[in-house]
All heavy atoms as atom14 arrays in JSON, in Angstrom:
{
  "sequence": "LILYFICNNNKLPSLASVLIKISVGAFVLFAVYYIRLL",
  "atom14_mask": [
    [1, 1, 1, 1, 1, 1, 1, 1, 0, 0, 0, 0, 0, 0],
    [1, 1, 1, 1, 1, 1, 1, 1, 0, 0, 0, 0, 0, 0],
    [1, 1, 1, 1, 1, 1, 1, 1, 0, 0, 0, 0, 0, 0],
    [1, 1, 1, 1, 1, 1, 1, 1, 1, 1, 1, 1, 0, 0],
    [1, 1, 1, 1, 1, 1, 1, 1, 1, 1, 1, 0, 0, 0],
    [1, 1, 1, 1, 1, 1, 1, 1, 0, 0, 0, 0, 0, 0],
    [1, 1, 1, 1, 1, 1, 0, 0, 0, 0, 0, 0, 0, 0],
    [1, 1, 1, 1, 1, 1, 1, 1, 0, 0, 0, 0, 0, 0],
    [1, 1, 1, 1, 1, 1, 1, 1, 0, 0, 0, 0, 0, 0],
    [1, 1, 1, 1, 1, 1, 1, 1, 0, 0, 0, 0, 0, 0],
    [1, 1, 1, 1, 1, 1, 1, 1, 1, 0, 0, 0, 0, 0],
    [1, 1, 1, 1, 1, 1, 1, 1, 0, 0, 0, 0, 0, 0],
    [1, 1, 1, 1, 1, 1, 1, 0, 0, 0, 0, 0, 0, 0],
    [1, 1, 1, 1, 1, 1, 0, 0, 0, 0, 0, 0, 0, 0],
    [1, 1, 1, 1, 1, 1, 1, 1, 0, 0, 0, 0, 0, 0],
    [1, 1, 1, 1, 1, 0, 0, 0, 0, 0, 0, 0, 0, 0],
    [1, 1, 1, 1, 1, 1, 0, 0, 0, 0, 0, 0, 0, 0],
    [1, 1, 1, 1, 1, 1, 1, 0, 0, 0, 0, 0, 0, 0],
    [1, 1, 1, 1, 1, 1, 1, 1, 0, 0, 0, 0, 0, 0],
    [1, 1, 1, 1, 1, 1, 1, 1, 0, 0, 0, 0, 0, 0],
    [1, 1, 1, 1, 1, 1, 1, 1, 1, 0, 0, 0, 0, 0],
    [1, 1, 1, 1, 1, 1, 1, 1, 0, 0, 0, 0, 0, 0],
    [1, 1, 1, 1, 1, 1, 0, 0, 0, 0, 0, 0, 0, 0],
    [1, 1, 1, 1, 1, 1, 1, 0, 0, 0, 0, 0, 0, 0],
    [1, 1, 1, 1, 0, 0, 0, 0, 0, 0, 0, 0, 0, 0],
    [1, 1, 1, 1, 1, 0, 0, 0, 0, 0, 0, 0, 0, 0],
    [1, 1, 1, 1, 1, 1, 1, 1, 1, 1, 1, 0, 0, 0],
    [1, 1, 1, 1, 1, 1, 1, 0, 0, 0, 0, 0, 0, 0],
    [1, 1, 1, 1, 1, 1, 1, 1, 0, 0, 0, 0, 0, 0],
    [1, 1, 1, 1, 1, 1, 1, 1, 1, 1, 1, 0, 0, 0],
    [1, 1, 1, 1, 1, 0, 0, 0, 0, 0, 0, 0, 0, 0],
    [1, 1, 1, 1, 1, 1, 1, 0, 0, 0, 0, 0, 0, 0],
    [1, 1, 1, 1, 1, 1, 1, 1, 1, 1, 1, 1, 0, 0],
    [1, 1, 1, 1, 1, 1, 1, 1, 1, 1, 1, 1, 0, 0],
    [1, 1, 1, 1, 1, 1, 1, 1, 0, 0, 0, 0, 0, 0],
    [1, 1, 1, 1, 1, 1, 1, 1, 1, 1, 1, 0, 0, 0],
    [1, 1, 1, 1, 1, 1, 1, 1, 0, 0, 0, 0, 0, 0],
    [1, 1, 1, 1, 1, 1, 1, 1, 0, 0, 0, 0, 0, 0]
  ],
  "atom14_positions": [
    [[35.58, -14.99, -44.08], [34.85, -15.32, -45.3], [34.34, -16.79, -45.38], [33.19, -17.08, -45.77], [35.67, -15.04, -46.57], [35.06, -15.17, -47.96], [33.91, -14.22, -48.08], [36.04, -14.98, -49.02], [0.0, 0.0, 0.0], [0.0, 0.0, 0.0], [0.0, 0.0, 0.0], [0.0, 0.0, 0.0], [0.0, 0.0, 0.0], [0.0, 0.0, 0.0]],
    [[35.23, -17.68, -44.91], [34.82, -19.12, -44.85], [33.69, -19.32, -43.77], [32.76, -20.0, -44.01], [36.11, -19.99, -44.46], [37.13, -19.91, -45.63], [35.71, -21.38, -44.13], [38.53, -20.43, -45.22], [0.0, 0.0, 0.0], [0.0, 0.0, 0.0], [0.0, 0.0, 0.0], [0.0, 0.0, 0.0], [0.0, 0.0, 0.0], [0.0, 0.0, 0.0]],
    [[33.85, -18.58, -42.67], [32.82, -18.67, -41.65], [31.46, -18.11, -42.15], [30.41, -18.6, -41.76], [33.21, -17.96, -40.35], [34.41, -18.59, -39.6], [34.83, -17.68, -38.45], [33.98, -19.95, -39.01], [0.0, 0.0, 0.0], [0.0, 0.0, 0.0], [0.0, 0.0, 0.0], [0.0, 0.0, 0.0], [0.0, 0.0, 0.0], [0.0, 0.0, 0.0]],
    [[31.56, -17.06, -42.96], [30.36, -16.5, -43.55], [29.65, -17.55, -44.39], [28.33, -17.68, -44.28], [30.74, -15.32, -44.46], [29.66, -14.93, -45.44], [28.5, -14.32, -45.06], [29.82, -15.24, -46.78], [27.47, -14.04, -46.0], [28.86, -14.96, -47.71], [27.69, -14.36, -47.32], [26.69, -14.05, -48.21], [0.0, 0.0, 0.0], [0.0, 0.0, 0.0]],
    [[30.33, -18.23, -45.24], [29.7, -19.27, -46.09], [29.05, -20.4, -45.19], [28.02, -20.95, -45.5], [30.67, -19.87, -47.12], [30.91, -18.9, -48.21], [32.2, -18.35, -48.44], [29.96, -18.62, -49.16], [32.5, -17.52, -49.5], [30.22, -17.78, -50.21], [31.48, -17.18, -50.38], [0.0, 0.0, 0.0], [0.0, 0.0, 0.0], [0.0, 0.0, 0.0]],
    [[29.82, -20.74, -44.15], [29.29, -21.79, -43.21], [27.98, -21.33, -42.54], [27.03, -22.1, -42.52], [30.36, -22.17, -42.18], [31.58, -22.83, -42.84], [29.8, -23.05, -41.06], [32.78, -23.03, -41.88], [0.0, 0.0, 0.0], [0.0, 0.0, 0.0], [0.0, 0.0, 0.0], [0.0, 0.0, 0.0], [0.0, 0.0, 0.0], [0.0, 0.0, 0.0]],
    [[27.98, -20.11, -42.06], [26.8, -19.61, -41.4], [25.64, -19.37, -42.42], [24.47, -19.65, -42.05], [27.11, -18.23, -40.72], [28.3, -18.41, -39.28], [0.0, 0.0, 0.0], [0.0, 0.0, 0.0], [0.0, 0.0, 0.0], [0.0, 0.0, 0.0], [0.0, 0.0, 0.0], [0.0, 0.0, 0.0], [0.0, 0.0, 0.0], [0.0, 0.0, 0.0]],
    [[26.0, -18.95, -43.56], [24.97, -18.76, -44.6], [24.27, -20.06, -44.97], [23.1, -20.13, -45.15], [25.54, -18.1, -45.81], [24.53, -17.39, -46.69], [23.61, -16.87, -46.27], [24.74, -17.42, -48.0], [0.0, 0.0, 0.0], [0.0, 0.0, 0.0], [0.0, 0.0, 0.0], [0.0, 0.0, 0.0], [0.0, 0.0, 0.0], [0.0, 0.0, 0.0]],
    [[25.15, -21.1, -45.12], [24.55, -22.38, -45.43], [23.7, -23.03, -44.29], [22.93, -23.88, -44.52], [25.65, -23.42, -45.82], [26.3, -23.02, -47.22], [25.62, -22.38, -48.01], [27.56, -23.35, -47.38], [0.0, 0.0, 0.0], [0.0, 0.0, 0.0], [0.0, 0.0, 0.0], [0.0, 0.0, 0.0], [0.0, 0.0, 0.0], [0.0, 0.0, 0.0]],
    [[24.05, -22.68, -43.1], [23.38, -23.21, -41.9], [22.26, -22.26, -41.46], [21.81, -22.41, -40.33], [24.35, -23.41, -40.73], [25.22, -24.65, -41.05], [24.89, -25.77, -40.82], [26.49, -24.44, -41.5], [0.0, 0.0, 0.0], [0.0, 0.0, 0.0], [0.0, 0.0, 0.0], [0.0, 0.0, 0.0], [0.0, 0.0, 0.0], [0.0, 0.0, 0.0]],
    [[21.85, -21.3, -42.31], [20.71, -20.44, -42.12], [20.89, -19.62, -40.85], [20.07, -19.55, -39.93], [19.38, -21.27, -42.08], [19.06, -21.96, -43.36], [17.85, -22.74, -43.29], [17.56, -23.41, -44.64], [16.26, -24.23, -44.62], [0.0, 0.0, 0.0], [0.0, 0.0, 0.0], [0.0, 0.0, 0.0], [0.0, 0.0, 0.0], [0.0, 0.0, 0.0]],
    [[22.02, -18.92, -40.76], [22.31, -17.94, -39.65], [22.6, -16.6, -40.35], [23.77, -16.1, -40.34], [23.5, -18.44, -38.83], [23.35, -19.74, -38.06], [24.67, -20.24, -37.48], [22.31, -19.54, -36.97], [0.0, 0.0, 0.0], [0.0, 0.0, 0.0], [0.0, 0.0, 0.0], [0.0, 0.0, 0.0], [0.0, 0.0, 0.0], [0.0, 0.0, 0.0]],
    [[21.52, -15.96, -40.95], [21.79, -14.77, -41.77], [22.34, -13.56, -40.97], [23.17, -12.82, -41.49], [20.38, -14.45, -42.3], [19.46, -15.12, -41.33], [20.14, -16.34, -40.82], [0.0, 0.0, 0.0], [0.0, 0.0, 0.0], [0.0, 0.0, 0.0], [0.0, 0.0, 0.0], [0.0, 0.0, 0.0], [0.0, 0.0, 0.0], [0.0, 0.0, 0.0]],
    [[21.95, -13.37, -39.7], [22.36, -12.22, -38.94], [23.91, -12.34, -38.63], [24.67, -11.36, -38.89], [21.65, -12.1, -37.6], [21.7, -13.33, -36.9], [0.0, 0.0, 0.0], [0.0, 0.0, 0.0], [0.0, 0.0, 0.0], [0.0, 0.0, 0.0], [0.0, 0.0, 0.0], [0.0, 0.0, 0.0], [0.0, 0.0, 0.0], [0.0, 0.0, 0.0]],
    [[24.3, -13.5, -38.25], [25.76, -13.71, -37.95], [26.54, -13.68, -39.26], [27.65, -13.1, -39.28], [25.88, -15.06, -37.28], [27.33, -15.43, -36.9], [27.91, -14.4, -35.97], [27.38, -16.81, -36.21], [0.0, 0.0, 0.0], [0.0, 0.0, 0.0], [0.0, 0.0, 0.0], [0.0, 0.0, 0.0], [0.0, 0.0, 0.0], [0.0, 0.0, 0.0]],
    [[26.0, -14.27, -40.35], [26.62, -14.24, -41.62], [26.83, -12.74, -42.12], [27.93, -12.44, -42.7], [25.91, -15.06, -42.66], [0.0, 0.0, 0.0], [0.0, 0.0, 0.0], [0.0, 0.0, 0.0], [0.0, 0.0, 0.0], [0.0, 0.0, 0.0], [0.0, 0.0, 0.0], [0.0, 0.0, 0.0], [0.0, 0.0, 0.0], [0.0, 0.0, 0.0]],
    [[25.85, -11.96, -41.9], [25.91, -10.56, -42.38], [27.1, -9.88, -41.61], [27.79, -9.07, -42.2], [24.62, -9.83, -42.08], [24.66, -8.54, -42.42], [0.0, 0.0, 0.0], [0.0, 0.0, 0.0], [0.0, 0.0, 0.0], [0.0, 0.0, 0.0], [0.0, 0.0, 0.0], [0.0, 0.0, 0.0], [0.0, 0.0, 0.0], [0.0, 0.0, 0.0]],
    [[27.23, -10.01, -40.31], [28.27, -9.4, -39.51], [29.61, -9.94, -40.04], [30.53, -9.03, -40.19], [28.03, -9.69, -38.0], [29.27, -9.21, -37.16], [26.8, -9.12, -37.49], [0.0, 0.0, 0.0], [0.0, 0.0, 0.0], [0.0, 0.0, 0.0], [0.0, 0.0, 0.0], [0.0, 0.0, 0.0], [0.0, 0.0, 0.0], [0.0, 0.0, 0.0]],
    [[29.72, -11.26, -40.18], [30.98, -11.8, -40.63], [31.46, -11.2, -41.94], [32.69, -10.91, -42.18], [30.93, -13.32, -40.73], [30.81, -14.04, -39.31], [30.4, -15.52, -39.53], [32.11, -13.87, -38.56], [0.0, 0.0, 0.0], [0.0, 0.0, 0.0], [0.0, 0.0, 0.0], [0.0, 0.0, 0.0], [0.0, 0.0, 0.0], [0.0, 0.0, 0.0]],
    [[30.5, -11.18, -42.99], [30.93, -10.71, -44.28], [31.32, -9.26, -44.25], [32.22, -8.77, -45.02], [29.82, -10.93, -45.33], [30.29, -10.75, -46.72], [28.61, -10.0, -45.11], [31.31, -11.72, -47.2], [0.0, 0.0, 0.0], [0.0, 0.0, 0.0], [0.0, 0.0, 0.0], [0.0, 0.0, 0.0], [0.0, 0.0, 0.0], [0.0, 0.0, 0.0]],
    [[30.76, -8.38, -43.41], [31.12, -7.02, -43.31], [32.51, -6.82, -42.73], [33.28, -6.12, -43.25], [30.05, -6.27, -42.4], [28.75, -6.03, -43.07], [27.74, -5.37, -42.15], [26.38, -5.24, -42.86], [25.37, -4.66, -41.91], [0.0, 0.0, 0.0], [0.0, 0.0, 0.0], [0.0, 0.0, 0.0], [0.0, 0.0, 0.0], [0.0, 0.0, 0.0]],
    [[32.79, -7.6, -41.68], [34.22, -7.55, -41.1], [35.15, -8.11, -42.07], [36.29, -7.57, -42.19], [34.24, -8.34, -39.79], [33.22, -7.75, -38.75], [35.59, -8.32, -39.19], [33.07, -8.57, -37.51], [0.0, 0.0, 0.0], [0.0, 0.0, 0.0], [0.0, 0.0, 0.0], [0.0, 0.0, 0.0], [0.0, 0.0, 0.0], [0.0, 0.0, 0.0]],
    [[34.79, -9.19, -42.8], [35.72, -9.78, -43.76], [36.06, -8.8, -44.9], [37.22, -8.65, -45.3], [35.04, -11.02, -44.34], [35.84, -11.59, -45.38], [0.0, 0.0, 0.0], [0.0, 0.0, 0.0], [0.0, 0.0, 0.0], [0.0, 0.0, 0.0], [0.0, 0.0, 0.0], [0.0, 0.0, 0.0], [0.0, 0.0, 0.0], [0.0, 0.0, 0.0]],
    [[35.03, -8.11, -45.43], [35.26, -7.1, -46.44], [36.13, -5.97, -45.94], [37.04, -5.49, -46.67], [33.93, -6.57, -46.98], [34.09, -5.31, -47.86], [33.13, -7.6, -47.71], [0.0, 0.0, 0.0], [0.0, 0.0, 0.0], [0.0, 0.0, 0.0], [0.0, 0.0, 0.0], [0.0, 0.0, 0.0], [0.0, 0.0, 0.0], [0.0, 0.0, 0.0]],
    [[35.87, -5.49, -44.69], [36.68, -4.47, -44.14], [38.17, -4.92, -44.01], [39.12, -4.18, -44.32], [0.0, 0.0, 0.0], [0.0, 0.0, 0.0], [0.0, 0.0, 0.0], [0.0, 0.0, 0.0], [0.0, 0.0, 0.0], [0.0, 0.0, 0.0], [0.0, 0.0, 0.0], [0.0, 0.0, 0.0], [0.0, 0.0, 0.0], [0.0, 0.0, 0.0]],
    [[38.4, -6.18, -43.52], [39.71, -6.68, -43.41], [40.4, -6.74, -44.84], [41.58, -6.41, -44.93], [39.7, -8.14, -42.82], [0.0, 0.0, 0.0], [0.0, 0.0, 0.0], [0.0, 0.0, 0.0], [0.0, 0.0, 0.0], [0.0, 0.0, 0.0], [0.0, 0.0, 0.0], [0.0, 0.0, 0.0], [0.0, 0.0, 0.0], [0.0, 0.0, 0.0]],
    [[39.71, -7.17, -45.84], [40.27, -7.26, -47.15], [40.6, -5.88, -47.71], [41.55, -5.68, -48.43], [39.35, -8.01, -48.09], [39.46, -9.54, -48.05], [38.39, -10.27, -47.83], [40.7, -10.13, -48.12], [38.49, -11.67, -47.62], [40.8, -11.54, -48.08], [39.7, -12.32, -47.81], [0.0, 0.0, 0.0], [0.0, 0.0, 0.0], [0.0, 0.0, 0.0]],
    [[39.75, -4.87, -47.39], [40.02, -3.47, -47.86], [41.27, -2.95, -47.25], [42.14, -2.46, -47.93], [38.78, -2.58, -47.56], [39.17, -1.12, -47.78], [37.6, -2.95, -48.42], [0.0, 0.0, 0.0], [0.0, 0.0, 0.0], [0.0, 0.0, 0.0], [0.0, 0.0, 0.0], [0.0, 0.0, 0.0], [0.0, 0.0, 0.0], [0.0, 0.0, 0.0]],
    [[41.42, -3.13, -45.91], [42.67, -2.75, -45.21], [43.88, -3.48, -45.77], [44.93, -2.89, -45.92], [42.5, -2.99, -43.72], [41.56, -2.12, -42.99], [41.37, -2.47, -41.54], [42.03, -0.57, -43.04], [0.0, 0.0, 0.0], [0.0, 0.0, 0.0], [0.0, 0.0, 0.0], [0.0, 0.0, 0.0], [0.0, 0.0, 0.0], [0.0, 0.0, 0.0]],
    [[43.67, -4.84, -46.05], [44.82, -5.58, -46.66], [45.24, -4.94, -47.99], [46.39, -4.91, -48.25], [44.29, -7.0, -46.85], [45.13, -7.85, -47.82], [46.44, -8.11, -47.56], [44.58, -8.15, -49.01], [47.21, -8.83, -48.52], [45.35, -8.8, -49.98], [46.64, -9.18, -49.76], [0.0, 0.0, 0.0], [0.0, 0.0, 0.0], [0.0, 0.0, 0.0]],
    [[44.18, -4.63, -48.82], [44.53, -4.05, -50.13], [45.36, -2.71, -49.94], [46.29, -2.49, -50.76], [43.22, -3.79, -50.93], [0.0, 0.0, 0.0], [0.0, 0.0, 0.0], [0.0, 0.0, 0.0], [0.0, 0.0, 0.0], [0.0, 0.0, 0.0], [0.0, 0.0, 0.0], [0.0, 0.0, 0.0], [0.0, 0.0, 0.0], [0.0, 0.0, 0.0]],
    [[45.0, -1.89, -48.97], [45.68, -0.7, -48.72], [47.12, -1.05, -48.35], [48.12, -0.41, -48.88], [45.03, 0.13, -47.63], [45.87, 1.3, -47.21], [43.65, 0.59, -48.08], [0.0, 0.0, 0.0], [0.0, 0.0, 0.0], [0.0, 0.0, 0.0], [0.0, 0.0, 0.0], [0.0, 0.0, 0.0], [0.0, 0.0, 0.0], [0.0, 0.0, 0.0]],
    [[47.32, -1.92, -47.41], [48.6, -2.3, -46.99], [49.52, -2.92, -48.13], [50.66, -2.77, -48.26], [48.64, -3.24, -45.81], [48.7, -2.52, -44.5], [47.57, -2.23, -43.77], [49.93, -2.17, -43.89], [47.6, -1.54, -42.59], [50.04, -1.47, -42.69], [48.79, -1.18, -42.07], [48.85, -0.55, -40.8], [0.0, 0.0, 0.0], [0.0, 0.0, 0.0]],
    [[48.78, -3.71, -48.96], [49.46, -4.38, -50.11], [49.96, -3.34, -51.1], [51.01, -3.42, -51.64], [48.48, -5.35, -50.77], [49.15, -6.22, -51.76], [49.93, -7.34, -51.35], [49.01, -6.06, -53.17], [50.58, -8.16, -52.3], [49.63, -6.89, -54.04], [50.42, -7.92, -53.59], [51.0, -8.74, -54.54], [0.0, 0.0, 0.0], [0.0, 0.0, 0.0]],
    [[49.11, -2.34, -51.34], [49.59, -1.23, -52.3], [50.82, -0.49, -51.73], [51.75, -0.22, -52.45], [48.4, -0.23, -52.53], [47.3, -1.01, -53.36], [48.89, 0.97, -53.28], [45.98, -0.2, -53.38], [0.0, 0.0, 0.0], [0.0, 0.0, 0.0], [0.0, 0.0, 0.0], [0.0, 0.0, 0.0], [0.0, 0.0, 0.0], [0.0, 0.0, 0.0]],
    [[50.76, -0.21, -50.39], [51.91, 0.37, -49.82], [53.15, -0.47, -49.77], [54.23, -0.01, -50.07], [51.53, 0.75, -48.32], [50.5, 1.9, -48.22], [50.15, 2.14, -46.71], [51.31, 2.62, -46.03], [51.32, 2.76, -44.67], [50.23, 2.52, -43.95], [52.37, 3.2, -44.07], [0.0, 0.0, 0.0], [0.0, 0.0, 0.0], [0.0, 0.0, 0.0]],
    [[52.94, -1.76, -49.63], [54.0, -2.71, -49.69], [54.6, -2.77, -51.07], [55.81, -2.86, -51.15], [53.44, -4.09, -49.29], [54.39, -5.29, -49.08], [53.89, -6.19, -47.95], [54.48, -6.07, -50.34], [0.0, 0.0, 0.0], [0.0, 0.0, 0.0], [0.0, 0.0, 0.0], [0.0, 0.0, 0.0], [0.0, 0.0, 0.0], [0.0, 0.0, 0.0]],
    [[53.81, -2.77, -52.1], [54.27, -2.77, -53.52], [55.1, -1.49, -53.77], [56.17, -1.53, -54.41], [53.2, -2.78, -54.53], [52.38, -4.16, -54.58], [51.33, -4.19, -55.61], [53.26, -5.37, -54.71], [0.0, 0.0, 0.0], [0.0, 0.0, 0.0], [0.0, 0.0, 0.0], [0.0, 0.0, 0.0], [0.0, 0.0, 0.0], [0.0, 0.0, 0.0]]
  ]
}
């Protein structure tokens, strides 16, 4: 997510798009594990 903002600010939209998709996927999986953990 941090790298996404860096790439977005440096006008690298294609790389930023890939990073944000992977970041969202990681956070979704994290949320699943967090619910199981709770």
